[in-house]
Amino acid sequence: MSDNVGIFIDGAYLDKVLQEEFNFPKVDFAKLSEWLSQGLPIFRTYYYHCLPYQSDPPTPEEKMRFSKKQSFLNALGKLSRYEVRLGKLEYRGTKKDGTSIFTQKRVDILMGVDIVSLALKRAINNIVILTGDSDFLPAIEVAKGEGAIFTLCYGAAHPPHDDLWNKADERIILRQEIIKTILRDTYRQN
């Protein structure tokens, strides 16, 4: 088995952590992957998310939001050893206060399939996951059964599910001092 690390980023979770804990800094995703790798060779970083919902016909705001997200994901996919995996955002109705309810579909299963596939092929023996969700724990258990070490990265104010925490071999918290080291150079504060 190789010493490669597979990095798996839950984009919606990362967005929430960056927005609510760090005021949405401009992150250099290549630097984020390097930090998450903890010095191990990176097999690949997988980034999971959904494109924004668009009604039929889409509003101008929806078109703009969709276009911006699509541009971001295209740029991310061009980074060295990055793979973008897209689920689907489904409209689930409206709350009493008038806000829309959306649900991500297929994202967790995409992540789970990638984790199991890479562990079974022995392409990776280290797994770093940035998330708080426990839906793919069966995949992690399979990978750990194949000898993979599982490191969980999470935001301090957005702790992971207890089951996820308990299955992790190692845990790292995304803190302000880390964010400062992974900012895009044009946004770095002195």
C-alpha atoms as a PDB file:
ATOM      1  CA  MET A   1       0.000   0.000   0.000  1.00  0.00           C
ATOM      2  CA  SER A   2       1.233   3.478  -0.815  1.00  0.00           C
ATOM      3  CA  ASP A   3       1.699   6.321   1.654  1.00  0.00           C
ATOM      4  CA  ASN A   4      -0.639   8.507  -0.386  1.00  0.00           C
ATOM      5  CA  VAL A   5      -3.351  10.544   1.252  1.00  0.00           C
ATOM      6  CA  GLY A   6      -6.804  11.020  -0.212  1.00  0.00           C
ATOM      7  CA  ILE A   7      -8.427  14.287   0.860  1.00  0.00           C
ATOM      8  CA  PHE A   8     -12.205  14.531   0.859  1.00  0.00           C
ATOM      9  CA  ILE A   9     -13.824  17.943   1.334  1.00  0.00           C
ATOM     10  CA  ASP A  10     -17.530  18.425   1.985  1.00  0.00           C
ATOM     11  CA  GLY A  11     -17.916  21.784   0.215  1.00  0.00           C
ATOM     12  CA  ALA A  12     -21.197  22.767   1.887  1.00  0.00           C
ATOM     13  CA  TYR A  13     -19.746  22.063   5.334  1.00  0.00           C
ATOM     14  CA  LEU A  14     -16.570  23.986   4.526  1.00  0.00           C
ATOM     15  CA  ASP A  15     -18.623  26.930   3.234  1.00  0.00           C
ATOM     16  CA  LYS A  16     -20.566  27.001   6.500  1.00  0.00           C
ATOM     17  CA  VAL A  17     -17.403  26.836   8.633  1.00  0.00           C
ATOM     18  CA  LEU A  18     -15.609  29.518   6.601  1.00  0.00           C
ATOM     19  CA  GLN A  19     -18.615  31.838   6.638  1.00  0.00           C
ATOM     20  CA  GLU A  20     -19.711  31.442  10.249  1.00  0.00           C
ATOM     21  CA  GLU A  21     -16.346  30.980  11.956  1.00  0.00           C
ATOM     22  CA  PHE A  22     -13.973  33.045   9.802  1.00  0.00           C
ATOM     23  CA  ASN A  23     -16.122  35.598   7.908  1.00  0.00           C
ATOM     24  CA  PHE A  24     -15.698  33.806   4.547  1.00  0.00           C
ATOM     25  CA  PRO A  25     -11.974  34.310   3.798  1.00  0.00           C
ATOM     26  CA  LYS A  26     -10.581  33.810   0.284  1.00  0.00           C
ATOM     27  CA  VAL A  27      -8.911  30.415   0.634  1.00  0.00           C
ATOM     28  CA  ASP A  28      -6.177  29.050  -1.610  1.00  0.00           C
ATOM     29  CA  PHE A  29      -7.447  25.495  -2.074  1.00  0.00           C
ATOM     30  CA  ALA A  30      -4.055  24.136  -3.143  1.00  0.00           C
ATOM     31  CA  LYS A  31      -2.642  25.420   0.168  1.00  0.00           C
ATOM     32  CA  LEU A  32      -5.619  23.924   2.022  1.00  0.00           C
ATOM     33  CA  SER A  33      -4.867  20.523   0.505  1.00  0.00           C
ATOM     34  CA  GLU A  34      -1.182  20.805   1.402  1.00  0.00           C
ATOM     35  CA  TRP A  35      -2.104  21.622   5.006  1.00  0.00           C
ATOM     36  CA  LEU A  36      -4.640  18.790   5.183  1.00  0.00           C
ATOM     37  CA  SER A  37      -2.096  16.313   3.779  1.00  0.00           C
ATOM     38  CA  GLN A  38       0.112  16.782   6.864  1.00  0.00           C
ATOM     39  CA  GLY A  39       3.206  16.341   4.729  1.00  0.00           C
ATOM     40  CA  LEU A  40       2.126  13.098   3.027  1.00  0.00           C
ATOM     41  CA  PRO A  41       2.039  12.779  -0.762  1.00  0.00           C
ATOM     42  CA  ILE A  42      -1.393  13.729  -2.071  1.00  0.00           C
ATOM     43  CA  PHE A  43      -3.046  11.162  -4.308  1.00  0.00           C
ATOM     44  CA  ARG A  44      -5.911  13.542  -5.025  1.00  0.00           C
ATOM     45  CA  THR A  45      -8.235  16.028  -3.331  1.00  0.00           C
ATOM     46  CA  TYR A  46     -11.919  15.392  -3.912  1.00  0.00           C
ATOM     47  CA  TYR A  47     -14.284  18.325  -3.463  1.00  0.00           C
ATOM     48  CA  TYR A  48     -18.017  17.576  -3.150  1.00  0.00           C
ATOM     49  CA  HIS A  49     -20.766  20.127  -3.586  1.00  0.00           C
ATOM     50  CA  CYS A  50     -23.861  21.043  -5.600  1.00  0.00           C
ATOM     51  CA  LEU A  51     -24.547  23.807  -8.047  1.00  0.00           C
ATOM     52  CA  PRO A  52     -27.123  26.304  -6.754  1.00  0.00           C
ATOM     53  CA  TYR A  53     -30.771  25.662  -7.428  1.00  0.00           C
ATOM     54  CA  GLN A  54     -32.390  27.420 -10.368  1.00  0.00           C
ATOM     55  CA  SER A  55     -36.149  27.741 -10.749  1.00  0.00           C
ATOM     56  CA  ASP A  56     -37.803  27.375 -14.140  1.00  0.00           C
ATOM     57  CA  PRO A  57     -37.249  29.954 -15.484  1.00  0.00           C
ATOM     58  CA  PRO A  58     -34.327  31.077 -13.296  1.00  0.00           C
ATOM     59  CA  THR A  59     -34.332  34.541 -11.802  1.00  0.00           C
ATOM     60  CA  PRO A  60     -31.442  36.922 -12.631  1.00  0.00           C
ATOM     61  CA  GLU A  61     -30.089  36.389  -9.091  1.00  0.00           C
ATOM     62  CA  GLU A  62     -30.221  32.602  -9.520  1.00  0.00           C
ATOM     63  CA  LYS A  63     -28.427  32.851 -12.868  1.00  0.00           C
ATOM     64  CA  MET A  64     -25.679  34.993 -11.339  1.00  0.00           C
ATOM     65  CA  ARG A  65     -25.255  32.723  -8.301  1.00  0.00           C
ATOM     66  CA  PHE A  66     -25.167  29.646 -10.570  1.00  0.00           C
ATOM     67  CA  SER A  67     -22.608  31.215 -12.914  1.00  0.00           C
ATOM     68  CA  LYS A  68     -20.308  32.260 -10.052  1.00  0.00           C
ATOM     69  CA  LYS A  69     -20.432  28.800  -8.471  1.00  0.00           C
ATOM     70  CA  GLN A  70     -19.832  27.141 -11.830  1.00  0.00           C
ATOM     71  CA  SER A  71     -16.778  29.356 -12.445  1.00  0.00           C
ATOM     72  CA  PHE A  72     -15.425  28.563  -8.982  1.00  0.00           C
ATOM     73  CA  LEU A  73     -15.890  24.815  -9.469  1.00  0.00           C
ATOM     74  CA  ASN A  74     -14.293  24.920 -12.929  1.00  0.00           C
ATOM     75  CA  ALA A  75     -11.252  26.745 -11.488  1.00  0.00           C
ATOM     76  CA  LEU A  76     -11.053  24.265  -8.615  1.00  0.00           C
ATOM     77  CA  GLY A  77     -11.141  21.328 -11.025  1.00  0.00           C
ATOM     78  CA  LYS A  78      -8.120  22.772 -12.854  1.00  0.00           C
ATOM     79  CA  LEU A  79      -5.925  22.617  -9.744  1.00  0.00           C
ATOM     80  CA  SER A  80      -3.295  19.896  -9.656  1.00  0.00           C
ATOM     81  CA  ARG A  81      -4.728  16.632  -8.320  1.00  0.00           C
ATOM     82  CA  TYR A  82      -8.185  18.067  -7.690  1.00  0.00           C
ATOM     83  CA  GLU A  83     -11.405  16.346  -8.628  1.00  0.00           C
ATOM     84  CA  VAL A  84     -14.795  18.048  -8.284  1.00  0.00           C
ATOM     85  CA  ARG A  85     -17.761  15.770  -7.657  1.00  0.00           C
ATOM     86  CA  LEU A  86     -21.229  17.278  -7.970  1.00  0.00           C
ATOM     87  CA  GLY A  87     -24.415  16.135  -6.362  1.00  0.00           C
ATOM     88  CA  LYS A  88     -27.786  17.726  -6.972  1.00  0.00           C
ATOM     89  CA  LEU A  89     -29.600  20.380  -4.969  1.00  0.00           C
ATOM     90  CA  GLU A  90     -33.315  19.657  -4.712  1.00  0.00           C
ATOM     91  CA  TYR A  91     -36.059  22.052  -3.711  1.00  0.00           C
ATOM     92  CA  ARG A  92     -38.086  20.628  -0.797  1.00  0.00           C
ATOM     93  CA  GLY A  93     -40.600  23.390  -0.144  1.00  0.00           C
ATOM     94  CA  THR A  94     -40.915  26.592   1.829  1.00  0.00           C
ATOM     95  CA  LYS A  95     -40.768  27.234   5.569  1.00  0.00           C
ATOM     96  CA  LYS A  96     -43.443  29.275   7.320  1.00  0.00           C
ATOM     97  CA  ASP A  97     -41.119  32.296   7.289  1.00  0.00           C
ATOM     98  CA  GLY A  98     -40.936  32.130   3.478  1.00  0.00           C
ATOM     99  CA  THR A  99     -37.399  30.757   3.164  1.00  0.00           C
ATOM    100  CA  SER A 100     -36.902  27.908   0.736  1.00  0.00           C
ATOM    101  CA  ILE A 101     -35.802  24.459   1.856  1.00  0.00           C
ATOM    102  CA  PHE A 102     -33.155  22.670  -0.223  1.00  0.00           C
ATOM    103  CA  THR A 103     -31.496  19.295   0.245  1.00  0.00           C
ATOM    104  CA  GLN A 104     -28.229  18.035  -1.193  1.00  0.00           C
ATOM    105  CA  LYS A 105     -28.594  14.680  -2.885  1.00  0.00           C
ATOM    106  CA  ARG A 106     -25.894  12.172  -3.913  1.00  0.00           C
ATOM    107  CA  VAL A 107     -22.998  14.044  -2.275  1.00  0.00           C
ATOM    108  CA  ASP A 108     -22.476  11.633   0.640  1.00  0.00           C
ATOM    109  CA  ILE A 109     -22.769   8.557  -1.565  1.00  0.00           C
ATOM    110  CA  LEU A 110     -20.258  10.004  -4.035  1.00  0.00           C
ATOM    111  CA  MET A 111     -17.810  10.543  -1.187  1.00  0.00           C
ATOM    112  CA  GLY A 112     -18.450   7.077   0.229  1.00  0.00           C
ATOM    113  CA  VAL A 113     -17.901   5.370  -3.129  1.00  0.00           C
ATOM    114  CA  ASP A 114     -14.632   7.260  -3.685  1.00  0.00           C
ATOM    115  CA  ILE A 115     -13.334   6.384  -0.212  1.00  0.00           C
ATOM    116  CA  VAL A 116     -14.118   2.674  -0.555  1.00  0.00           C
ATOM    117  CA  SER A 117     -12.878   2.431  -4.134  1.00  0.00           C
ATOM    118  CA  LEU A 118      -9.525   4.068  -3.394  1.00  0.00           C
ATOM    119  CA  ALA A 119      -8.980   2.072  -0.201  1.00  0.00           C
ATOM    120  CA  LEU A 120      -9.800  -1.245  -1.882  1.00  0.00           C
ATOM    121  CA  LYS A 121      -7.478  -0.453  -4.796  1.00  0.00           C
ATOM    122  CA  ARG A 122      -4.797   0.452  -2.241  1.00  0.00           C
ATOM    123  CA  ALA A 123      -4.346   3.820  -3.970  1.00  0.00           C
ATOM    124  CA  ILE A 124      -4.446   5.521  -0.562  1.00  0.00           C
ATOM    125  CA  ASN A 125      -3.797   4.472   2.993  1.00  0.00           C
ATOM    126  CA  ASN A 126      -4.516   7.809   4.630  1.00  0.00           C
ATOM    127  CA  ILE A 127      -7.899   9.489   4.465  1.00  0.00           C
ATOM    128  CA  VAL A 128      -8.457  13.097   5.506  1.00  0.00           C
ATOM    129  CA  ILE A 129     -12.066  14.224   5.560  1.00  0.00           C
ATOM    130  CA  LEU A 130     -13.215  17.775   6.176  1.00  0.00           C
ATOM    131  CA  THR A 131     -16.846  17.407   7.252  1.00  0.00           C
ATOM    132  CA  GLY A 132     -19.203  17.037  10.170  1.00  0.00           C
ATOM    133  CA  ASP A 133     -21.596  14.527   8.578  1.00  0.00           C
ATOM    134  CA  SER A 134     -21.661  10.840   9.522  1.00  0.00           C
ATOM    135  CA  ASP A 135     -23.674   9.446   6.593  1.00  0.00           C
ATOM    136  CA  PHE A 136     -20.638   7.814   5.005  1.00  0.00           C
ATOM    137  CA  LEU A 137     -19.383   6.047   8.153  1.00  0.00           C
ATOM    138  CA  PRO A 138     -19.889   2.612   6.554  1.00  0.00           C
ATOM    139  CA  ALA A 139     -17.427   3.640   3.826  1.00  0.00           C
ATOM    140  CA  ILE A 140     -14.909   4.790   6.437  1.00  0.00           C
ATOM    141  CA  GLU A 141     -15.267   1.497   8.290  1.00  0.00           C
ATOM    142  CA  VAL A 142     -14.509  -0.424   5.076  1.00  0.00           C
ATOM    143  CA  ALA A 143     -11.447   1.773   4.393  1.00  0.00           C
ATOM    144  CA  LYS A 144     -10.194   1.364   7.968  1.00  0.00           C
ATOM    145  CA  GLY A 145     -10.679  -2.399   7.594  1.00  0.00           C
ATOM    146  CA  GLU A 146      -8.318  -2.196   4.620  1.00  0.00           C
ATOM    147  CA  GLY A 147      -5.702  -0.518   6.818  1.00  0.00           C
ATOM    148  CA  ALA A 148      -6.376   3.153   6.075  1.00  0.00           C
ATOM    149  CA  ILE A 149      -5.816   5.778   8.764  1.00  0.00           C
ATOM    150  CA  PHE A 150      -8.746   8.190   9.081  1.00  0.00           C
ATOM    151  CA  THR A 151      -8.143  11.831  10.032  1.00  0.00           C
ATOM    152  CA  LEU A 152     -11.130  14.084  10.645  1.00  0.00           C
ATOM    153  CA  CYS A 153     -10.862  17.854  10.128  1.00  0.00           C
ATOM    154  CA  TYR A 154     -13.646  20.111  11.349  1.00  0.00           C
ATOM    155  CA  GLY A 155     -14.556  23.610  12.462  1.00  0.00           C
ATOM    156  CA  ALA A 156     -14.465  24.330  16.195  1.00  0.00           C
ATOM    157  CA  ALA A 157     -17.958  25.858  16.256  1.00  0.00           C
ATOM    158  CA  HIS A 158     -19.338  23.120  13.974  1.00  0.00           C
ATOM    159  CA  PRO A 159     -18.350  19.897  15.725  1.00  0.00           C
ATOM    160  CA  PRO A 160     -18.729  16.623  13.866  1.00  0.00           C
ATOM    161  CA  HIS A 161     -21.342  14.024  14.623  1.00  0.00           C
ATOM    162  CA  ASP A 162     -20.317  11.921  17.661  1.00  0.00           C
ATOM    163  CA  ASP A 163     -20.142   8.703  15.613  1.00  0.00           C
ATOM    164  CA  LEU A 164     -17.779  10.362  13.145  1.00  0.00           C
ATOM    165  CA  TRP A 165     -15.636  11.736  15.973  1.00  0.00           C
ATOM    166  CA  ASN A 166     -15.428   8.307  17.605  1.00  0.00           C
ATOM    167  CA  LYS A 167     -14.328   6.534  14.396  1.00  0.00           C
ATOM    168  CA  ALA A 168     -11.524   9.004  13.639  1.00  0.00           C
ATOM    169  CA  ASP A 169      -7.961   7.839  14.246  1.00  0.00           C
ATOM    170  CA  GLU A 170      -6.797  11.458  14.383  1.00  0.00           C
ATOM    171  CA  ARG A 171      -8.622  14.792  14.631  1.00  0.00           C
ATOM    172  CA  ILE A 172      -7.601  18.294  13.604  1.00  0.00           C
ATOM    173  CA  ILE A 173      -9.503  21.524  14.115  1.00  0.00           C
ATOM    174  CA  LEU A 174      -9.591  24.252  11.496  1.00  0.00           C
ATOM    175  CA  ARG A 175      -8.488  27.311  13.486  1.00  0.00           C
ATOM    176  CA  GLN A 176      -7.769  30.981  12.712  1.00  0.00           C
ATOM    177  CA  GLU A 177      -3.991  30.482  12.656  1.00  0.00           C
ATOM    178  CA  ILE A 178      -4.446  27.805   9.974  1.00  0.00           C
ATOM    179  CA  ILE A 179      -6.800  30.000   7.935  1.00  0.00           C
ATOM    180  CA  LYS A 180      -4.139  32.734   7.882  1.00  0.00           C
ATOM    181  CA  THR A 181      -1.652  30.321   6.271  1.00  0.00           C
ATOM    182  CA  ILE A 182      -4.026  29.179   3.513  1.00  0.00           C
ATOM    183  CA  LEU A 183      -5.357  32.519   2.316  1.00  0.00           C
ATOM    184  CA  ARG A 184      -4.898  33.511  -1.294  1.00  0.00           C
ATOM    185  CA  ASP A 185      -1.850  35.796  -1.440  1.00  0.00           C
ATOM    186  CA  THR A 186      -3.871  38.815  -2.609  1.00  0.00           C
ATOM    187  CA  TYR A 187      -6.077  38.497   0.488  1.00  0.00           C
ATOM    188  CA  ARG A 188      -3.408  37.801   3.093  1.00  0.00           C
ATOM    189  CA  GLN A 189      -3.601  40.147   6.055  1.00  0.00           C
ATOM    190  CA  ASN A 190      -0.442  41.475   7.709  1.00  0.00           C
END
